[in-house]
C-alpha atoms as a PDB file:
ATOM      1  CA  MET A   1      21.938 -25.997  -1.968  1.00  0.00           C
ATOM      2  CA  LYS A   2      20.930 -28.149  -4.943  1.00  0.00           C
ATOM      3  CA  ILE A   3      20.974 -31.892  -4.311  1.00  0.00           C
ATOM      4  CA  ASN A   4      19.960 -35.213  -5.827  1.00  0.00           C
ATOM      5  CA  LEU A   5      18.489 -37.962  -3.660  1.00  0.00           C
ATOM      6  CA  TYR A   6      19.011 -41.667  -4.225  1.00  0.00           C
ATOM      7  CA  ASP A   7      17.707 -44.696  -2.431  1.00  0.00           C
ATOM      8  CA  PHE A   8      20.420 -47.385  -2.360  1.00  0.00           C
ATOM      9  CA  ASP A   9      19.140 -50.961  -2.464  1.00  0.00           C
ATOM     10  CA  ASN A  10      17.617 -51.989  -5.792  1.00  0.00           C
ATOM     11  CA  THR A  11      18.048 -48.403  -6.982  1.00  0.00           C
ATOM     12  CA  ILE A  12      21.777 -47.857  -7.464  1.00  0.00           C
ATOM     13  CA  TYR A  13      22.790 -51.265  -6.063  1.00  0.00           C
ATOM     14  CA  LYS A  14      21.666 -54.466  -7.795  1.00  0.00           C
ATOM     15  CA  GLY A  15      19.890 -56.223  -4.945  1.00  0.00           C
ATOM     16  CA  ASP A  16      19.664 -55.691  -1.217  1.00  0.00           C
ATOM     17  CA  SER A  17      23.025 -54.886   0.354  1.00  0.00           C
ATOM     18  CA  SER A  18      21.980 -55.982   3.853  1.00  0.00           C
ATOM     19  CA  THR A  19      20.895 -59.418   2.611  1.00  0.00           C
ATOM     20  CA  ASP A  20      24.053 -59.761   0.542  1.00  0.00           C
ATOM     21  CA  PHE A  21      26.143 -58.743   3.549  1.00  0.00           C
ATOM     22  CA  PHE A  22      24.432 -61.331   5.764  1.00  0.00           C
ATOM     23  CA  PHE A  23      25.188 -64.152   3.315  1.00  0.00           C
ATOM     24  CA  TYR A  24      28.724 -62.866   2.786  1.00  0.00           C
ATOM     25  CA  ALA A  25      29.234 -62.864   6.574  1.00  0.00           C
ATOM     26  CA  MET A  26      27.874 -66.393   6.758  1.00  0.00           C
ATOM     27  CA  LEU A  27      30.403 -67.556   4.135  1.00  0.00           C
ATOM     28  CA  LYS A  28      33.259 -65.984   6.084  1.00  0.00           C
ATOM     29  CA  TYR A  29      31.939 -66.964   9.522  1.00  0.00           C
ATOM     30  CA  PRO A  30      29.745 -70.100   9.305  1.00  0.00           C
ATOM     31  CA  LYS A  31      28.490 -69.591  12.881  1.00  0.00           C
ATOM     32  CA  VAL A  32      26.352 -66.743  11.482  1.00  0.00           C
ATOM     33  CA  ALA A  33      24.053 -69.496  10.140  1.00  0.00           C
ATOM     34  CA  ARG A  34      22.776 -70.119  13.662  1.00  0.00           C
ATOM     35  CA  PHE A  35      20.864 -66.817  13.391  1.00  0.00           C
ATOM     36  CA  ILE A  36      18.729 -68.066  10.470  1.00  0.00           C
ATOM     37  CA  PRO A  37      15.937 -69.601  12.621  1.00  0.00           C
ATOM     38  CA  LYS A  38      15.697 -66.364  14.640  1.00  0.00           C
ATOM     39  CA  ILE A  39      15.481 -64.343  11.423  1.00  0.00           C
ATOM     40  CA  ILE A  40      12.814 -66.607   9.910  1.00  0.00           C
ATOM     41  CA  PHE A  41      10.758 -66.513  13.118  1.00  0.00           C
ATOM     42  CA  SER A  42      11.085 -62.695  13.214  1.00  0.00           C
ATOM     43  CA  ALA A  43      10.044 -62.425   9.552  1.00  0.00           C
ATOM     44  CA  ILE A  44       6.894 -64.432  10.295  1.00  0.00           C
ATOM     45  CA  LYS A  45       6.123 -62.225  13.301  1.00  0.00           C
ATOM     46  CA  TYR A  46       6.641 -59.138  11.129  1.00  0.00           C
ATOM     47  CA  LYS A  47       4.298 -60.460   8.412  1.00  0.00           C
ATOM     48  CA  LEU A  48       1.696 -61.141  11.106  1.00  0.00           C
ATOM     49  CA  HIS A  49       2.128 -57.557  12.398  1.00  0.00           C
ATOM     50  CA  ILE A  50       3.362 -58.788  15.775  1.00  0.00           C
ATOM     51  CA  ILE A  51       6.640 -56.858  15.542  1.00  0.00           C
ATOM     52  CA  LYS A  52       7.647 -53.713  13.672  1.00  0.00           C
ATOM     53  CA  LYS A  53      10.164 -53.540  10.828  1.00  0.00           C
ATOM     54  CA  THR A  54      12.855 -52.047  13.097  1.00  0.00           C
ATOM     55  CA  LYS A  55      12.643 -55.048  15.447  1.00  0.00           C
ATOM     56  CA  LEU A  56      12.828 -57.426  12.475  1.00  0.00           C
ATOM     57  CA  LYS A  57      15.952 -55.682  11.236  1.00  0.00           C
ATOM     58  CA  GLU A  58      17.495 -55.707  14.720  1.00  0.00           C
ATOM     59  CA  ASN A  59      16.978 -59.457  14.830  1.00  0.00           C
ATOM     60  CA  ILE A  60      18.591 -59.795  11.416  1.00  0.00           C
ATOM     61  CA  PHE A  61      21.615 -57.681  12.360  1.00  0.00           C
ATOM     62  CA  SER A  62      22.047 -59.457  15.700  1.00  0.00           C
ATOM     63  CA  PHE A  63      24.485 -61.727  13.814  1.00  0.00           C
ATOM     64  CA  LEU A  64      27.040 -58.914  14.191  1.00  0.00           C
ATOM     65  CA  GLN A  65      27.612 -60.171  17.745  1.00  0.00           C
ATOM     66  CA  VAL A  66      29.703 -63.074  16.408  1.00  0.00           C
ATOM     67  CA  ILE A  67      31.806 -61.054  13.947  1.00  0.00           C
ATOM     68  CA  PRO A  68      35.255 -60.349  15.434  1.00  0.00           C
ATOM     69  CA  ASP A  69      36.057 -57.343  13.198  1.00  0.00           C
ATOM     70  CA  VAL A  70      32.992 -55.814  11.540  1.00  0.00           C
ATOM     71  CA  ASP A  71      34.968 -53.031   9.833  1.00  0.00           C
ATOM     72  CA  PHE A  72      37.306 -55.545   8.203  1.00  0.00           C
ATOM     73  CA  LEU A  73      34.349 -57.652   7.051  1.00  0.00           C
ATOM     74  CA  ILE A  74      32.631 -54.609   5.531  1.00  0.00           C
ATOM     75  CA  SER A  75      35.812 -53.592   3.719  1.00  0.00           C
ATOM     76  CA  SER A  76      36.191 -57.116   2.379  1.00  0.00           C
ATOM     77  CA  PHE A  77      32.501 -57.182   1.378  1.00  0.00           C
ATOM     78  CA  TRP A  78      32.777 -54.030  -0.741  1.00  0.00           C
ATOM     79  CA  LYS A  79      35.895 -55.324  -2.505  1.00  0.00           C
ATOM     80  CA  THR A  80      33.721 -58.076  -3.969  1.00  0.00           C
ATOM     81  CA  HIS A  81      30.354 -56.281  -4.116  1.00  0.00           C
ATOM     82  CA  SER A  82      31.113 -52.783  -5.433  1.00  0.00           C
ATOM     83  CA  CYS A  83      30.587 -54.297  -8.899  1.00  0.00           C
ATOM     84  CA  TYR A  84      26.852 -54.364  -8.051  1.00  0.00           C
ATOM     85  CA  ILE A  85      26.634 -50.575  -8.298  1.00  0.00           C
ATOM     86  CA  LYS A  86      24.560 -49.948 -11.423  1.00  0.00           C
ATOM     87  CA  ASP A  87      26.196 -48.446 -14.494  1.00  0.00           C
ATOM     88  CA  PHE A  88      23.738 -45.548 -14.756  1.00  0.00           C
ATOM     89  CA  TYR A  89      24.895 -44.359 -11.344  1.00  0.00           C
ATOM     90  CA  LEU A  90      28.590 -44.848 -11.971  1.00  0.00           C
ATOM     91  CA  LYS A  91      28.356 -42.580 -15.028  1.00  0.00           C
ATOM     92  CA  LYS A  92      26.986 -39.651 -12.998  1.00  0.00           C
ATOM     93  CA  ASP A  93      28.751 -36.917 -11.064  1.00  0.00           C
ATOM     94  CA  HIS A  94      28.064 -37.545  -7.370  1.00  0.00           C
ATOM     95  CA  GLN A  95      29.194 -34.311  -5.713  1.00  0.00           C
ATOM     96  CA  ASN A  96      25.582 -33.191  -5.101  1.00  0.00           C
ATOM     97  CA  ASP A  97      24.194 -36.644  -4.290  1.00  0.00           C
ATOM     98  CA  ILE A  98      22.750 -37.714  -0.985  1.00  0.00           C
ATOM     99  CA  ILE A  99      22.123 -41.399  -0.622  1.00  0.00           C
ATOM    100  CA  ILE A 100      19.241 -41.894   1.759  1.00  0.00           C
ATOM    101  CA  SER A 101      18.589 -45.488   2.730  1.00  0.00           C
ATOM    102  CA  ALA A 102      17.001 -47.786   5.279  1.00  0.00           C
ATOM    103  CA  SER A 103      20.212 -49.832   5.190  1.00  0.00           C
ATOM    104  CA  PRO A 104      22.676 -49.240   8.020  1.00  0.00           C
ATOM    105  CA  GLU A 105      25.071 -46.346   7.621  1.00  0.00           C
ATOM    106  CA  PHE A 106      27.960 -48.513   8.846  1.00  0.00           C
ATOM    107  CA  LEU A 107      27.447 -50.838   5.871  1.00  0.00           C
ATOM    108  CA  LEU A 108      27.050 -48.166   3.184  1.00  0.00           C
ATOM    109  CA  ARG A 109      29.617 -45.611   4.401  1.00  0.00           C
ATOM    110  CA  PRO A 110      32.676 -47.238   2.759  1.00  0.00           C
ATOM    111  CA  ILE A 111      31.058 -47.477  -0.685  1.00  0.00           C
ATOM    112  CA  THR A 112      29.486 -44.009  -0.543  1.00  0.00           C
ATOM    113  CA  ASP A 113      32.878 -42.577   0.427  1.00  0.00           C
ATOM    114  CA  GLU A 114      34.486 -44.456  -2.464  1.00  0.00           C
ATOM    115  CA  LEU A 115      31.856 -43.124  -4.874  1.00  0.00           C
ATOM    116  CA  GLY A 116      32.435 -39.576  -3.637  1.00  0.00           C
ATOM    117  CA  VAL A 117      28.834 -38.774  -2.771  1.00  0.00           C
ATOM    118  CA  LEU A 118      28.057 -35.598  -0.860  1.00  0.00           C
ATOM    119  CA  ASP A 119      26.408 -37.402   2.060  1.00  0.00           C
ATOM    120  CA  LEU A 120      24.819 -40.570   3.358  1.00  0.00           C
ATOM    121  CA  ILE A 121      21.742 -40.709   5.551  1.00  0.00           C
ATOM    122  CA  GLY A 122      20.844 -44.214   6.699  1.00  0.00           C
ATOM    123  CA  SER A 123      19.724 -46.243   9.639  1.00  0.00           C
ATOM    124  CA  LYS A 124      22.034 -45.938  12.614  1.00  0.00           C
ATOM    125  CA  VAL A 125      22.837 -49.408  13.913  1.00  0.00           C
ATOM    126  CA  ASP A 126      25.253 -50.545  16.628  1.00  0.00           C
ATOM    127  CA  THR A 127      27.909 -52.682  14.931  1.00  0.00           C
ATOM    128  CA  LYS A 128      28.402 -54.845  18.010  1.00  0.00           C
ATOM    129  CA  THR A 129      24.762 -55.702  18.757  1.00  0.00           C
ATOM    130  CA  GLY A 130      22.682 -54.904  15.670  1.00  0.00           C
ATOM    131  CA  ILE A 131      20.447 -52.664  17.795  1.00  0.00           C
ATOM    132  CA  PHE A 132      19.045 -49.596  16.041  1.00  0.00           C
ATOM    133  CA  LYS A 133      19.937 -46.209  17.503  1.00  0.00           C
ATOM    134  CA  GLY A 134      16.666 -44.560  16.535  1.00  0.00           C
ATOM    135  CA  LEU A 135      14.040 -45.228  13.884  1.00  0.00           C
ATOM    136  CA  ASN A 136      14.575 -47.209  10.713  1.00  0.00           C
ATOM    137  CA  CYS A 137      15.340 -44.670   7.942  1.00  0.00           C
ATOM    138  CA  TYR A 138      12.304 -45.557   5.827  1.00  0.00           C
ATOM    139  CA  GLY A 139       9.426 -43.687   4.164  1.00  0.00           C
ATOM    140  CA  LYS A 140       8.624 -40.371   5.874  1.00  0.00           C
ATOM    141  CA  GLU A 141      11.564 -40.879   8.246  1.00  0.00           C
ATOM    142  CA  LYS A 142      13.897 -40.263   5.292  1.00  0.00           C
ATOM    143  CA  VAL A 143      12.432 -36.792   4.787  1.00  0.00           C
ATOM    144  CA  ARG A 144      12.494 -36.047   8.518  1.00  0.00           C
ATOM    145  CA  ARG A 145      16.196 -36.903   8.724  1.00  0.00           C
ATOM    146  CA  LEU A 146      17.031 -34.960   5.576  1.00  0.00           C
ATOM    147  CA  LYS A 147      15.277 -31.842   6.894  1.00  0.00           C
ATOM    148  CA  LYS A 148      16.922 -32.228  10.282  1.00  0.00           C
ATOM    149  CA  LYS A 149      20.383 -32.354   8.715  1.00  0.00           C
ATOM    150  CA  TYR A 150      19.851 -29.761   5.966  1.00  0.00           C
ATOM    151  CA  GLN A 151      17.682 -26.711   6.586  1.00  0.00           C
ATOM    152  CA  GLU A 152      17.953 -25.279   3.072  1.00  0.00           C
ATOM    153  CA  PHE A 153      18.034 -27.483   0.005  1.00  0.00           C
ATOM    154  CA  GLU A 154      16.453 -27.880  -3.388  1.00  0.00           C
ATOM    155  CA  VAL A 155      16.044 -31.408  -4.727  1.00  0.00           C
ATOM    156  CA  GLU A 156      16.730 -31.551  -8.464  1.00  0.00           C
ATOM    157  CA  GLU A 157      16.290 -35.313  -8.938  1.00  0.00           C
ATOM    158  CA  ALA A 158      15.228 -38.260  -6.771  1.00  0.00           C
ATOM    159  CA  TYR A 159      15.551 -41.957  -7.580  1.00  0.00           C
ATOM    160  CA  SER A 160      14.049 -45.010  -5.911  1.00  0.00           C
ATOM    161  CA  ASP A 161      12.963 -48.523  -6.771  1.00  0.00           C
ATOM    162  CA  SER A 162       9.805 -48.259  -4.657  1.00  0.00           C
ATOM    163  CA  TYR A 163       6.808 -46.039  -4.148  1.00  0.00           C
ATOM    164  CA  SER A 164       7.446 -46.415  -0.404  1.00  0.00           C
ATOM    165  CA  ASP A 165       9.893 -43.599  -1.126  1.00  0.00           C
ATOM    166  CA  THR A 166       7.126 -41.297  -2.362  1.00  0.00           C
ATOM    167  CA  PRO A 167       7.995 -38.825   0.450  1.00  0.00           C
ATOM    168  CA  ILE A 168      11.478 -38.233  -1.031  1.00  0.00           C
ATOM    169  CA  LEU A 169      10.275 -38.469  -4.637  1.00  0.00           C
ATOM    170  CA  GLU A 170       7.750 -35.687  -3.972  1.00  0.00           C
ATOM    171  CA  LEU A 171      10.552 -33.337  -2.872  1.00  0.00           C
ATOM    172  CA  ALA A 172      12.203 -33.422  -6.298  1.00  0.00           C
ATOM    173  CA  LYS A 173      11.689 -31.401  -9.460  1.00  0.00           C
ATOM    174  CA  ARG A 174      12.170 -34.674 -11.370  1.00  0.00           C
ATOM    175  CA  SER A 175      11.667 -38.098  -9.841  1.00  0.00           C
ATOM    176  CA  TYR A 176      12.353 -41.555 -11.180  1.00  0.00           C
ATOM    177  CA  ILE A 177      11.502 -45.156 -10.408  1.00  0.00           C
ATOM    178  CA  VAL A 178      14.313 -47.620 -11.114  1.00  0.00           C
ATOM    179  CA  LYS A 179      13.406 -51.207 -11.983  1.00  0.00           C
ATOM    180  CA  GLY A 180      16.470 -53.264 -12.813  1.00  0.00           C
ATOM    181  CA  ASN A 181      18.311 -51.219 -15.427  1.00  0.00           C
ATOM    182  CA  LYS A 182      15.205 -49.309 -16.523  1.00  0.00           C
ATOM    183  CA  ILE A 183      14.597 -45.788 -15.259  1.00  0.00           C
ATOM    184  CA  LYS A 184      11.136 -44.323 -15.620  1.00  0.00           C
ATOM    185  CA  SER A 185      10.069 -40.793 -14.812  1.00  0.00           C
ATOM    186  CA  THR A 186       7.207 -40.603 -12.320  1.00  0.00           C
ATOM    187  CA  ASP A 187       5.746 -37.853 -14.513  1.00  0.00           C
ATOM    188  CA  ASN A 188       4.784 -40.442 -17.177  1.00  0.00           C
END
């Protein structure tokens, strides 16, 4: 099976969807703001290597506890934020695309379904608590999950905004780094 791999945030989406979703949730439900001190404290602990990235992200997504209908909020979010999908991606055929992201699957599923991508592999997060159901889908974990889900595949192209995705970029015949609206081959 021939596939193309895409990171999501800052690759095909202008910005970080999780951050945008947090601020969108805070606009709709002002009580989300009470989680900001916890998030800042967790970010400091992460920078000091006291906690791991998964724990930081769990603390960020703990705001979901105060959202009465997460699915409705996500649907509403994508009605206003689907315009942040980059033009280069919108112009492509997505039937062989797998979006593989550290962002939560629950957040990206509606937009990836709308775009008609083949599949989405992301972090599995409980929508009621923000607790991760396994490892953060980042770096080598992306490749592990891809290989677990698909035994036979051939990666034609891979796109990311970061060299932290080198493990997925190395799987592809052609790989690209996306910075803003500029796409540069890693072969250059």
